[in-house]
């Protein structure tokens, strides 16, 4: 019986892609769509995903800030993503308290400044 070679017993190297390899935008988009669909803490029905040259953009609305953060974390975890642009809005109907307060203050200050 021959002893196993050092090459066969060494731990595998993960994370190094072949030179010049770039994951296709379509595969990235499919992966993030699958992850968003399967995640138990997000209702992804109002999330839109666009990928261009490895830059993943999330748009649409989510129920609360937690869902917005989870969606961004999932996007960043997908292999091949170079950058995530999280443009998700928190729905005013569900958990957008912070968002609404900010919008109200902007409206108030813009109203104030226009009256001057």
Protein backbone atom coordinates (compact mmCIF):
# COMPACT_ATOMS: atom_id res chain seq x y z
CA UNK A 1 0.00 0.00 0.00
CA UNK A 2 1.42 3.37 -1.01
CA UNK A 3 1.29 6.28 1.47
CA UNK A 4 -0.85 9.22 0.34
CA UNK A 5 1.12 11.98 -1.32
CA UNK A 6 1.54 15.36 0.36
CA UNK A 7 -0.52 16.96 -2.41
CA UNK A 8 -3.53 14.78 -1.60
CA UNK A 9 -3.35 15.37 2.15
CA UNK A 10 -2.88 19.15 2.05
CA UNK A 11 -5.92 21.27 2.82
CA UNK A 12 -7.66 22.72 -0.19
CA UNK A 13 -7.04 26.36 -1.08
CA UNK A 14 -10.27 28.30 -1.37
CA UNK A 15 -10.68 31.82 -2.68
CA UNK A 16 -8.15 31.95 -5.47
CA UNK A 17 -9.78 32.07 -8.87
CA UNK A 18 -7.88 31.39 -12.08
CA UNK A 19 -6.16 34.41 -13.57
CA UNK A 20 -8.56 36.52 -15.62
CA UNK A 21 -11.68 34.77 -14.29
CA UNK A 22 -14.70 36.95 -13.58
CA UNK A 23 -18.05 35.56 -12.54
CA UNK A 24 -20.86 36.53 -14.91
CA UNK A 25 -23.38 39.15 -13.83
CA UNK A 26 -26.17 36.68 -14.62
CA UNK A 27 -24.80 34.10 -12.16
CA UNK A 28 -24.34 36.74 -9.48
CA UNK A 29 -27.90 37.96 -9.99
CA UNK A 30 -29.29 34.43 -9.87
CA UNK A 31 -27.42 33.71 -6.63
CA UNK A 32 -28.60 36.84 -4.81
CA UNK A 33 -32.16 36.33 -6.04
CA UNK A 34 -32.10 32.78 -4.68
CA UNK A 35 -30.68 33.92 -1.34
CA UNK A 36 -33.21 36.74 -0.96
CA UNK A 37 -36.07 34.39 -1.85
CA UNK A 38 -34.99 31.70 0.61
CA UNK A 39 -34.13 33.94 3.56
CA UNK A 40 -36.72 33.63 6.30
CA UNK A 41 -36.42 37.20 7.62
CA UNK A 42 -36.99 39.12 4.39
CA UNK A 43 -40.02 39.61 2.17
CA UNK A 44 -38.18 40.17 -1.11
CA UNK A 45 -41.26 40.67 -3.29
CA UNK A 46 -40.53 44.40 -3.67
CA UNK A 47 -36.74 44.13 -4.08
CA UNK A 48 -35.17 44.55 -7.50
CA UNK A 49 -31.62 43.40 -8.21
CA UNK A 50 -29.35 44.69 -10.97
CA UNK A 51 -25.77 43.60 -11.58
CA UNK A 52 -23.36 45.34 -13.92
CA UNK A 53 -19.65 44.46 -14.06
CA UNK A 54 -19.85 42.94 -10.57
CA UNK A 55 -21.57 45.99 -9.06
CA UNK A 56 -24.82 44.84 -7.46
CA UNK A 57 -27.59 47.41 -6.96
CA UNK A 58 -30.58 46.78 -4.70
CA UNK A 59 -33.66 48.95 -5.25
CA UNK A 60 -37.27 48.83 -4.10
CA UNK A 61 -38.78 48.66 -0.64
CA UNK A 62 -38.44 46.47 2.44
CA UNK A 63 -40.44 46.31 5.67
CA UNK A 64 -37.81 47.62 8.08
CA UNK A 65 -34.18 48.66 8.52
CA UNK A 66 -33.24 45.17 9.63
CA UNK A 67 -34.42 43.71 6.31
CA UNK A 68 -32.44 46.40 4.46
CA UNK A 69 -29.26 45.43 6.33
CA UNK A 70 -29.84 41.70 5.84
CA UNK A 71 -30.35 42.20 2.09
CA UNK A 72 -27.09 44.15 1.86
CA UNK A 73 -25.20 41.53 3.89
CA UNK A 74 -26.53 38.76 1.64
CA UNK A 75 -25.50 40.72 -1.46
CA UNK A 76 -21.98 41.25 -0.13
CA UNK A 77 -21.62 37.52 0.55
CA UNK A 78 -22.24 36.48 -3.06
CA UNK A 79 -19.14 35.35 -4.90
CA UNK A 80 -18.11 37.76 -7.64
CA UNK A 81 -19.72 40.89 -6.16
CA UNK A 82 -17.26 43.79 -6.30
CA UNK A 83 -19.50 46.44 -4.71
CA UNK A 84 -23.04 46.70 -3.30
CA UNK A 85 -25.15 49.81 -3.81
CA UNK A 86 -28.03 49.54 -1.37
CA UNK A 87 -30.78 51.90 -2.55
CA UNK A 88 -33.55 50.07 -0.71
CA UNK A 89 -36.19 52.23 0.97
CA UNK A 90 -37.95 51.29 4.18
CA UNK A 91 -41.70 51.10 3.64
CA UNK A 92 -43.63 53.83 5.45
CA UNK A 93 -46.40 51.29 6.08
CA UNK A 94 -44.23 48.88 8.05
CA UNK A 95 -41.21 50.15 9.87
CA UNK A 96 -40.12 53.36 8.29
CA UNK A 97 -40.31 55.51 11.41
CA UNK A 98 -36.74 56.77 11.08
CA UNK A 99 -37.16 57.31 7.37
CA UNK A 100 -40.42 59.21 7.82
CA UNK A 101 -38.96 61.48 10.51
CA UNK A 102 -36.07 62.34 8.24
CA UNK A 103 -38.42 63.07 5.32
CA UNK A 104 -40.69 65.16 7.55
CA UNK A 105 -37.76 67.22 8.83
CA UNK A 106 -36.50 67.77 5.29
CA UNK A 107 -39.98 68.86 4.20
CA UNK A 108 -40.28 71.16 7.21
CA UNK A 109 -36.87 72.73 6.67
CA UNK A 110 -37.46 73.16 2.95
CA UNK A 111 -40.87 74.71 3.70
CA UNK A 112 -39.25 77.03 6.22
CA UNK A 113 -36.55 78.10 3.84
CA UNK A 114 -39.00 78.74 1.02
CA UNK A 115 -41.05 81.03 3.28
CA UNK A 116 -38.04 83.25 4.05
